[in-house]
Amino acid sequence: MNSAQKPSWWIRAIVLVNAFVFVDFGLAFLAAPEGLTRLLDIELHSASALADLRAVYGGLCLAVGVCMLAGLRNTAWLAPTLFLVMLTSGGLAFGRVYSMIVSGMPGLPVLGFLGTEVGSLLWAALAHRALLAQSRSEAFAAARPLHA
């Protein structure tokens, strides 16, 4: 993609929204995991459980969010970053649906998360498709002879 032509705002917006969510969740789970786990009906009974929760929900989420922010800084990184948004949204949604099948219906907060993950997956997929189409269009235009 030509770096002079920036992608549409709605293409970049899904990455920014996801980055914000991942960074915020990561920081929140690092700082105060007990409050968030109560909301989800998760009980932690040891320092090991807190350490693992902080690592996965805190550190990993924070790293993914920072990676998404980095993907917004370079147009060439945007398509792989959109793919990361699709993978994270799809993976989280898959895990929730699988859990519903094997463990039963979760509470409303988890269903709300599922809804946002499916929405994010669809938005990112449309954005990825639009970005690739724009790249192909620019490549085609660049390949045409100047004097036909």
N, C-alpha and C. Protein backbone atom coordinates (compact mmCIF):
# COMPACT_ATOMS: atom_id res chain seq x y z
N MET A 1 0.84 -1.18 0.00
CA MET A 1 0.00 0.00 0.00
C MET A 1 0.88 1.23 0.00
N ASN A 2 0.52 2.21 -0.76
CA ASN A 2 1.22 3.47 -0.83
C ASN A 2 1.12 4.17 0.51
N SER A 3 2.27 4.52 1.10
CA SER A 3 2.25 5.15 2.41
C SER A 3 1.63 6.54 2.36
N ALA A 4 1.55 7.15 1.16
CA ALA A 4 0.93 8.46 1.05
C ALA A 4 -0.58 8.37 1.22
N GLN A 5 -1.17 7.25 0.89
CA GLN A 5 -2.61 7.08 1.03
C GLN A 5 -2.89 6.27 2.30
N LYS A 6 -3.41 6.96 3.30
CA LYS A 6 -3.70 6.28 4.56
C LYS A 6 -4.99 5.49 4.43
N PRO A 7 -5.05 4.37 5.13
CA PRO A 7 -6.29 3.59 5.14
C PRO A 7 -7.43 4.39 5.77
N SER A 8 -8.64 4.05 5.43
CA SER A 8 -9.82 4.72 5.97
C SER A 8 -9.84 4.65 7.49
N TRP A 9 -10.47 5.63 8.10
CA TRP A 9 -10.51 5.71 9.57
C TRP A 9 -11.16 4.47 10.17
N TRP A 10 -12.19 3.92 9.52
CA TRP A 10 -12.91 2.78 10.12
C TRP A 10 -12.06 1.51 10.11
N ILE A 11 -11.09 1.44 9.19
CA ILE A 11 -10.17 0.30 9.15
C ILE A 11 -9.21 0.38 10.34
N ARG A 12 -8.70 1.56 10.60
CA ARG A 12 -7.77 1.74 11.73
C ARG A 12 -8.51 1.71 13.07
N ALA A 13 -9.78 2.11 13.08
CA ALA A 13 -10.54 2.22 14.33
C ALA A 13 -10.69 0.88 15.04
N ILE A 14 -10.91 -0.21 14.32
CA ILE A 14 -11.09 -1.51 14.98
C ILE A 14 -9.80 -1.94 15.69
N VAL A 15 -8.67 -1.60 15.12
CA VAL A 15 -7.40 -1.91 15.77
C VAL A 15 -7.26 -1.05 17.04
N LEU A 16 -7.58 0.22 16.94
CA LEU A 16 -7.47 1.12 18.09
C LEU A 16 -8.41 0.69 19.22
N VAL A 17 -9.64 0.32 18.89
CA VAL A 17 -10.59 -0.14 19.90
C VAL A 17 -10.05 -1.39 20.60
N ASN A 18 -9.57 -2.35 19.83
CA ASN A 18 -9.04 -3.58 20.42
C ASN A 18 -7.79 -3.30 21.25
N ALA A 19 -6.92 -2.45 20.76
CA ALA A 19 -5.71 -2.10 21.52
C ALA A 19 -6.10 -1.50 22.86
N PHE A 20 -7.06 -0.59 22.85
CA PHE A 20 -7.53 0.05 24.08
C PHE A 20 -8.08 -0.99 25.05
N VAL A 21 -8.89 -1.91 24.57
CA VAL A 21 -9.47 -2.95 25.42
C VAL A 21 -8.38 -3.84 26.01
N PHE A 22 -7.45 -4.30 25.17
CA PHE A 22 -6.40 -5.18 25.66
C PHE A 22 -5.49 -4.48 26.67
N VAL A 23 -5.10 -3.24 26.38
CA VAL A 23 -4.24 -2.50 27.31
C VAL A 23 -4.98 -2.26 28.63
N ASP A 24 -6.24 -1.83 28.55
CA ASP A 24 -7.01 -1.57 29.77
C ASP A 24 -7.22 -2.83 30.61
N PHE A 25 -7.62 -3.92 29.96
CA PHE A 25 -7.80 -5.18 30.70
C PHE A 25 -6.47 -5.64 31.29
N GLY A 26 -5.40 -5.53 30.51
CA GLY A 26 -4.10 -5.94 31.00
C GLY A 26 -3.68 -5.16 32.24
N LEU A 27 -3.80 -3.85 32.18
CA LEU A 27 -3.44 -3.02 33.34
C LEU A 27 -4.35 -3.31 34.53
N ALA A 28 -5.64 -3.47 34.28
CA ALA A 28 -6.58 -3.74 35.37
C ALA A 28 -6.29 -5.07 36.04
N PHE A 29 -6.02 -6.11 35.25
CA PHE A 29 -5.74 -7.42 35.84
C PHE A 29 -4.37 -7.45 36.53
N LEU A 30 -3.44 -6.64 36.10
CA LEU A 30 -2.17 -6.54 36.82
C LEU A 30 -2.35 -5.84 38.16
N ALA A 31 -3.11 -4.76 38.15
CA ALA A 31 -3.25 -3.92 39.35
C ALA A 31 -4.23 -4.47 40.37
N ALA A 32 -5.37 -4.95 39.93
CA ALA A 32 -6.44 -5.35 40.87
C ALA A 32 -7.21 -6.56 40.35
N PRO A 33 -6.57 -7.71 40.27
CA PRO A 33 -7.25 -8.87 39.68
C PRO A 33 -8.45 -9.37 40.49
N GLU A 34 -8.43 -9.21 41.81
CA GLU A 34 -9.50 -9.76 42.63
C GLU A 34 -10.86 -9.13 42.30
N GLY A 35 -10.88 -7.83 42.07
CA GLY A 35 -12.15 -7.17 41.75
C GLY A 35 -12.75 -7.65 40.44
N LEU A 36 -11.90 -7.83 39.46
CA LEU A 36 -12.39 -8.29 38.16
C LEU A 36 -12.80 -9.76 38.19
N THR A 37 -12.08 -10.56 38.96
CA THR A 37 -12.44 -11.98 39.01
C THR A 37 -13.77 -12.20 39.73
N ARG A 38 -14.08 -11.34 40.71
CA ARG A 38 -15.39 -11.44 41.38
C ARG A 38 -16.53 -11.20 40.38
N LEU A 39 -16.33 -10.27 39.49
CA LEU A 39 -17.34 -9.97 38.46
C LEU A 39 -17.63 -11.19 37.60
N LEU A 40 -16.60 -12.01 37.38
CA LEU A 40 -16.73 -13.18 36.51
C LEU A 40 -16.93 -14.47 37.30
N ASP A 41 -17.07 -14.37 38.60
CA ASP A 41 -17.29 -15.52 39.47
C ASP A 41 -16.10 -16.49 39.45
N ILE A 42 -14.90 -15.91 39.40
CA ILE A 42 -13.67 -16.70 39.45
C ILE A 42 -13.10 -16.54 40.86
N GLU A 43 -12.76 -17.65 41.49
CA GLU A 43 -12.17 -17.62 42.82
C GLU A 43 -10.69 -17.95 42.75
N LEU A 44 -9.90 -17.15 43.42
CA LEU A 44 -8.45 -17.36 43.47
C LEU A 44 -8.07 -17.68 44.90
N HIS A 45 -7.39 -18.79 45.08
CA HIS A 45 -7.09 -19.24 46.44
C HIS A 45 -5.61 -19.28 46.78
N SER A 46 -4.74 -18.78 45.90
CA SER A 46 -3.32 -18.86 46.20
C SER A 46 -2.54 -17.79 45.45
N ALA A 47 -1.32 -17.57 45.92
CA ALA A 47 -0.43 -16.64 45.22
C ALA A 47 -0.10 -17.15 43.82
N SER A 48 -0.04 -18.47 43.65
CA SER A 48 0.21 -19.04 42.33
C SER A 48 -0.93 -18.73 41.37
N ALA A 49 -2.15 -18.83 41.87
CA ALA A 49 -3.31 -18.53 41.02
C ALA A 49 -3.29 -17.05 40.61
N LEU A 50 -2.98 -16.16 41.54
CA LEU A 50 -2.89 -14.74 41.22
C LEU A 50 -1.76 -14.46 40.23
N ALA A 51 -0.63 -15.13 40.41
CA ALA A 51 0.50 -14.93 39.50
C ALA A 51 0.15 -15.36 38.09
N ASP A 52 -0.51 -16.49 37.96
CA ASP A 52 -0.89 -16.98 36.64
C ASP A 52 -1.94 -16.07 36.00
N LEU A 53 -2.90 -15.64 36.80
CA LEU A 53 -3.93 -14.74 36.29
C LEU A 53 -3.31 -13.43 35.82
N ARG A 54 -2.40 -12.88 36.63
CA ARG A 54 -1.74 -11.63 36.23
C ARG A 54 -0.90 -11.82 34.97
N ALA A 55 -0.28 -12.98 34.83
CA ALA A 55 0.54 -13.23 33.64
C ALA A 55 -0.31 -13.30 32.38
N VAL A 56 -1.39 -14.09 32.42
CA VAL A 56 -2.19 -14.31 31.21
C VAL A 56 -3.14 -13.14 30.96
N TYR A 57 -3.94 -12.78 31.95
CA TYR A 57 -4.91 -11.70 31.75
C TYR A 57 -4.27 -10.33 31.83
N GLY A 58 -3.17 -10.22 32.57
CA GLY A 58 -2.51 -8.93 32.71
C GLY A 58 -1.41 -8.74 31.70
N GLY A 59 -0.32 -9.47 31.88
CA GLY A 59 0.86 -9.27 31.03
C GLY A 59 0.62 -9.58 29.57
N LEU A 60 -0.01 -10.71 29.28
CA LEU A 60 -0.25 -11.08 27.88
C LEU A 60 -1.21 -10.11 27.20
N CYS A 61 -2.29 -9.74 27.90
CA CYS A 61 -3.23 -8.77 27.31
C CYS A 61 -2.55 -7.43 27.06
N LEU A 62 -1.74 -7.00 28.00
CA LEU A 62 -1.02 -5.73 27.82
C LEU A 62 -0.08 -5.81 26.61
N ALA A 63 0.64 -6.91 26.47
CA ALA A 63 1.55 -7.08 25.34
C ALA A 63 0.81 -7.09 24.01
N VAL A 64 -0.33 -7.77 23.95
CA VAL A 64 -1.11 -7.81 22.71
C VAL A 64 -1.61 -6.40 22.37
N GLY A 65 -2.07 -5.67 23.36
CA GLY A 65 -2.54 -4.30 23.12
C GLY A 65 -1.43 -3.39 22.61
N VAL A 66 -0.25 -3.51 23.19
CA VAL A 66 0.89 -2.70 22.73
C VAL A 66 1.27 -3.10 21.30
N CYS A 67 1.21 -4.39 20.99
CA CYS A 67 1.49 -4.86 19.63
C CYS A 67 0.50 -4.25 18.64
N MET A 68 -0.76 -4.19 19.04
CA MET A 68 -1.77 -3.58 18.16
C MET A 68 -1.51 -2.10 17.96
N LEU A 69 -1.10 -1.39 19.01
CA LEU A 69 -0.77 0.03 18.87
C LEU A 69 0.42 0.21 17.93
N ALA A 70 1.41 -0.66 18.04
CA ALA A 70 2.57 -0.59 17.14
C ALA A 70 2.13 -0.81 15.70
N GLY A 71 1.15 -1.68 15.48
CA GLY A 71 0.66 -1.95 14.14
C GLY A 71 -0.01 -0.76 13.49
N LEU A 72 -0.46 0.19 14.31
CA LEU A 72 -1.08 1.40 13.76
C LEU A 72 -0.05 2.43 13.31
N ARG A 73 1.19 2.27 13.72
CA ARG A 73 2.22 3.26 13.44
C ARG A 73 2.84 3.11 12.05
N ASN A 74 2.64 1.96 11.42
CA ASN A 74 3.24 1.70 10.12
C ASN A 74 2.18 1.06 9.22
N THR A 75 1.90 1.71 8.11
CA THR A 75 0.85 1.22 7.21
C THR A 75 1.12 -0.21 6.75
N ALA A 76 2.38 -0.58 6.57
CA ALA A 76 2.71 -1.94 6.13
C ALA A 76 2.37 -2.98 7.19
N TRP A 77 2.26 -2.58 8.44
CA TRP A 77 1.94 -3.51 9.53
C TRP A 77 0.45 -3.63 9.78
N LEU A 78 -0.35 -2.81 9.11
CA LEU A 78 -1.78 -2.78 9.43
C LEU A 78 -2.50 -4.08 9.08
N ALA A 79 -2.23 -4.66 7.92
CA ALA A 79 -2.91 -5.91 7.55
C ALA A 79 -2.58 -7.04 8.53
N PRO A 80 -1.29 -7.25 8.90
CA PRO A 80 -1.03 -8.29 9.91
C PRO A 80 -1.67 -7.97 11.26
N THR A 81 -1.76 -6.69 11.60
CA THR A 81 -2.38 -6.31 12.87
C THR A 81 -3.88 -6.58 12.83
N LEU A 82 -4.52 -6.33 11.71
CA LEU A 82 -5.94 -6.67 11.57
C LEU A 82 -6.13 -8.18 11.69
N PHE A 83 -5.19 -8.94 11.15
CA PHE A 83 -5.26 -10.39 11.27
C PHE A 83 -5.13 -10.79 12.75
N LEU A 84 -4.26 -10.12 13.48
CA LEU A 84 -4.14 -10.37 14.92
C LEU A 84 -5.45 -10.07 15.64
N VAL A 85 -6.12 -9.00 15.26
CA VAL A 85 -7.42 -8.67 15.86
C VAL A 85 -8.42 -9.79 15.56
N MET A 86 -8.42 -10.28 14.32
CA MET A 86 -9.32 -11.39 13.98
C MET A 86 -9.00 -12.63 14.79
N LEU A 87 -7.71 -12.95 14.93
CA LEU A 87 -7.32 -14.15 15.68
C LEU A 87 -7.69 -14.04 17.16
N THR A 88 -7.42 -12.90 17.77
CA THR A 88 -7.73 -12.76 19.20
C THR A 88 -9.24 -12.75 19.42
N SER A 89 -9.96 -12.01 18.61
CA SER A 89 -11.42 -11.97 18.76
C SER A 89 -12.04 -13.33 18.50
N GLY A 90 -11.61 -13.97 17.43
CA GLY A 90 -12.13 -15.29 17.08
C GLY A 90 -11.76 -16.35 18.10
N GLY A 91 -10.53 -16.30 18.59
CA GLY A 91 -10.09 -17.26 19.60
C GLY A 91 -10.86 -17.13 20.89
N LEU A 92 -11.06 -15.90 21.34
CA LEU A 92 -11.83 -15.68 22.56
C LEU A 92 -13.28 -16.14 22.38
N ALA A 93 -13.88 -15.78 21.24
CA ALA A 93 -15.27 -16.20 20.98
C ALA A 93 -15.38 -17.72 20.90
N PHE A 94 -14.42 -18.35 20.23
CA PHE A 94 -14.44 -19.81 20.13
C PHE A 94 -14.38 -20.45 21.51
N GLY A 95 -13.49 -19.96 22.35
CA GLY A 95 -13.37 -20.50 23.70
C GLY A 95 -14.65 -20.36 24.50
N ARG A 96 -15.33 -19.24 24.35
CA ARG A 96 -16.59 -19.04 25.08
C ARG A 96 -17.68 -19.96 24.56
N VAL A 97 -17.79 -20.10 23.25
CA VAL A 97 -18.81 -20.98 22.67
C VAL A 97 -18.53 -22.43 23.06
N TYR A 98 -17.27 -22.84 22.97
CA TYR A 98 -16.91 -24.19 23.37
C TYR A 98 -17.28 -24.43 24.83
N SER A 99 -17.00 -23.46 25.67
CA SER A 99 -17.33 -23.59 27.09
C SER A 99 -18.84 -23.71 27.29
N MET A 100 -19.61 -22.97 26.51
CA MET A 100 -21.08 -23.09 26.61
C MET A 100 -21.53 -24.51 26.27
N ILE A 101 -20.89 -25.10 25.28
CA ILE A 101 -21.26 -26.45 24.85
C ILE A 101 -20.92 -27.47 25.93
N VAL A 102 -19.74 -27.38 26.51
CA VAL A 102 -19.31 -28.40 27.47
C VAL A 102 -19.66 -28.09 28.92
N SER A 103 -19.92 -26.79 29.23
CA SER A 103 -20.15 -26.44 30.64
C SER A 103 -21.47 -25.74 30.93
N GLY A 104 -22.20 -25.35 29.90
CA GLY A 104 -23.47 -24.67 30.13
C GLY A 104 -23.37 -23.17 29.91
N MET A 105 -24.50 -22.51 30.08
CA MET A 105 -24.60 -21.07 29.82
C MET A 105 -23.89 -20.26 30.91
N PRO A 106 -23.08 -19.30 30.48
CA PRO A 106 -22.41 -18.42 31.43
C PRO A 106 -23.32 -17.25 31.83
N GLY A 107 -22.82 -16.39 32.69
CA GLY A 107 -23.56 -15.21 33.11
C GLY A 107 -23.57 -14.13 32.05
N LEU A 108 -24.33 -13.08 32.31
CA LEU A 108 -24.47 -11.98 31.35
C LEU A 108 -23.16 -11.29 30.99
N PRO A 109 -22.25 -11.05 31.94
CA PRO A 109 -21.00 -10.40 31.52
C PRO A 109 -20.25 -11.20 30.45
N VAL A 110 -20.22 -12.51 30.60
CA VAL A 110 -19.51 -13.36 29.62
C VAL A 110 -20.23 -13.34 28.28
N LEU A 111 -21.56 -13.34 28.30
CA LEU A 111 -22.32 -13.25 27.04
C LEU A 111 -22.08 -11.90 26.38
N GLY A 112 -21.94 -10.85 27.18
CA GLY A 112 -21.61 -9.54 26.63
C GLY A 112 -20.24 -9.53 25.98
N PHE A 113 -19.26 -10.18 26.63
CA PHE A 113 -17.94 -10.28 26.03
C PHE A 113 -18.01 -11.02 24.70
N LEU A 114 -18.78 -12.10 24.67
CA LEU A 114 -18.93 -12.88 23.44
C LEU A 114 -19.50 -12.01 22.32
N GLY A 115 -20.50 -11.23 22.63
CA GLY A 115 -21.08 -10.34 21.61
C GLY A 115 -20.07 -9.35 21.06
N THR A 116 -19.27 -8.77 21.94
CA THR A 116 -18.27 -7.80 21.46
C THR A 116 -17.17 -8.49 20.66
N GLU A 117 -16.84 -9.72 21.04
CA GLU A 117 -15.80 -10.46 20.31
C GLU A 117 -16.26 -10.84 18.90
N VAL A 118 -17.50 -11.26 18.78
CA VAL A 118 -18.04 -11.58 17.45
C VAL A 118 -18.11 -10.31 16.61
N GLY A 119 -18.58 -9.22 17.20
CA GLY A 119 -18.63 -7.95 16.47
C GLY A 119 -17.25 -7.49 16.03
N SER A 120 -16.28 -7.63 16.91
CA SER A 120 -14.90 -7.25 16.59
C SER A 120 -14.34 -8.11 15.47
N LEU A 121 -14.61 -9.41 15.53
CA LEU A 121 -14.14 -10.32 14.48
C LEU A 121 -14.71 -9.92 13.13
N LEU A 122 -16.00 -9.65 13.07
CA LEU A 122 -16.63 -9.28 11.80
C LEU A 122 -16.11 -7.95 11.28
N TRP A 123 -15.99 -6.95 12.16
CA TRP A 123 -15.48 -5.64 11.78
C TRP A 123 -14.05 -5.77 11.26
N ALA A 124 -13.20 -6.52 11.98
CA ALA A 124 -11.81 -6.68 11.55
C ALA A 124 -11.71 -7.42 10.23
N ALA A 125 -12.57 -8.42 10.02
CA ALA A 125 -12.55 -9.16 8.75
C ALA A 125 -12.94 -8.24 7.59
N LEU A 126 -13.96 -7.42 7.78
CA LEU A 126 -14.34 -6.46 6.73
C LEU A 126 -13.22 -5.44 6.49
N ALA A 127 -12.60 -4.97 7.55
CA ALA A 127 -11.52 -4.01 7.42
C ALA A 127 -10.32 -4.63 6.71
N HIS A 128 -9.99 -5.86 7.05
CA HIS A 128 -8.87 -6.56 6.41
C HIS A 128 -9.14 -6.72 4.92
N ARG A 129 -10.36 -7.12 4.59
CA ARG A 129 -10.73 -7.30 3.18
C ARG A 129 -10.65 -5.97 2.42
N ALA A 130 -11.15 -4.90 3.04
CA ALA A 130 -11.12 -3.59 2.39
C ALA A 130 -9.68 -3.10 2.21
N LEU A 131 -8.84 -3.35 3.20
CA LEU A 131 -7.45 -2.93 3.12
C LEU A 131 -6.72 -3.68 2.00
N LEU A 132 -6.96 -4.99 1.90
CA LEU A 132 -6.33 -5.77 0.83
C LEU A 132 -6.84 -5.33 -0.55
N ALA A 133 -8.12 -5.03 -0.65
CA ALA A 133 -8.67 -4.56 -1.93
C ALA A 133 -8.04 -3.22 -2.31
N GLN A 134 -7.87 -2.34 -1.34
CA GLN A 134 -7.24 -1.04 -1.60
C GLN A 134 -5.79 -1.24 -2.05
N SER A 135 -5.09 -2.16 -1.43
CA SER A 135 -3.70 -2.45 -1.81
C SER A 135 -3.61 -2.99 -3.24
N ARG A 136 -4.53 -3.91 -3.57
CA ARG A 136 -4.54 -4.46 -4.94
C ARG A 136 -4.86 -3.37 -5.96
N SER A 137 -5.79 -2.49 -5.63
CA SER A 137 -6.16 -1.41 -6.54
C SER A 137 -4.98 -0.48 -6.78
N GLU A 138 -4.25 -0.16 -5.71
CA GLU A 138 -3.08 0.71 -5.85
C GLU A 138 -1.99 0.03 -6.66
N ALA A 139 -1.79 -1.27 -6.45
CA ALA A 139 -0.78 -2.01 -7.20
C ALA A 139 -1.14 -2.06 -8.68
N PHE A 140 -2.44 -2.26 -8.97
CA PHE A 140 -2.89 -2.30 -10.36
C PHE A 140 -2.68 -0.95 -11.01
N ALA A 141 -3.01 0.13 -10.31
CA ALA A 141 -2.85 1.47 -10.86
C ALA A 141 -1.36 1.78 -11.11
N ALA A 142 -0.51 1.33 -10.24
CA ALA A 142 0.93 1.57 -10.41
C ALA A 142 1.52 0.77 -11.56
N ALA A 143 0.90 -0.37 -11.88
CA ALA A 143 1.42 -1.23 -12.94
C ALA A 143 0.97 -0.80 -14.33
N ARG A 144 -0.05 0.02 -14.42
CA ARG A 144 -0.53 0.47 -15.74
C ARG A 144 0.47 1.43 -16.38
N PRO A 145 0.66 1.31 -17.68
CA PRO A 145 1.57 2.24 -18.36
C PRO A 145 1.02 3.67 -18.31
N LEU A 146 1.92 4.64 -18.27
CA LEU A 146 1.50 6.04 -18.20
C LEU A 146 0.87 6.50 -19.52
N HIS A 147 1.38 5.99 -20.65
CA HIS A 147 0.85 6.41 -21.95
C HIS A 147 0.24 5.19 -22.63
N ALA A 148 -1.07 5.16 -22.65
CA ALA A 148 -1.72 4.01 -23.25
C ALA A 148 -2.11 4.29 -24.66
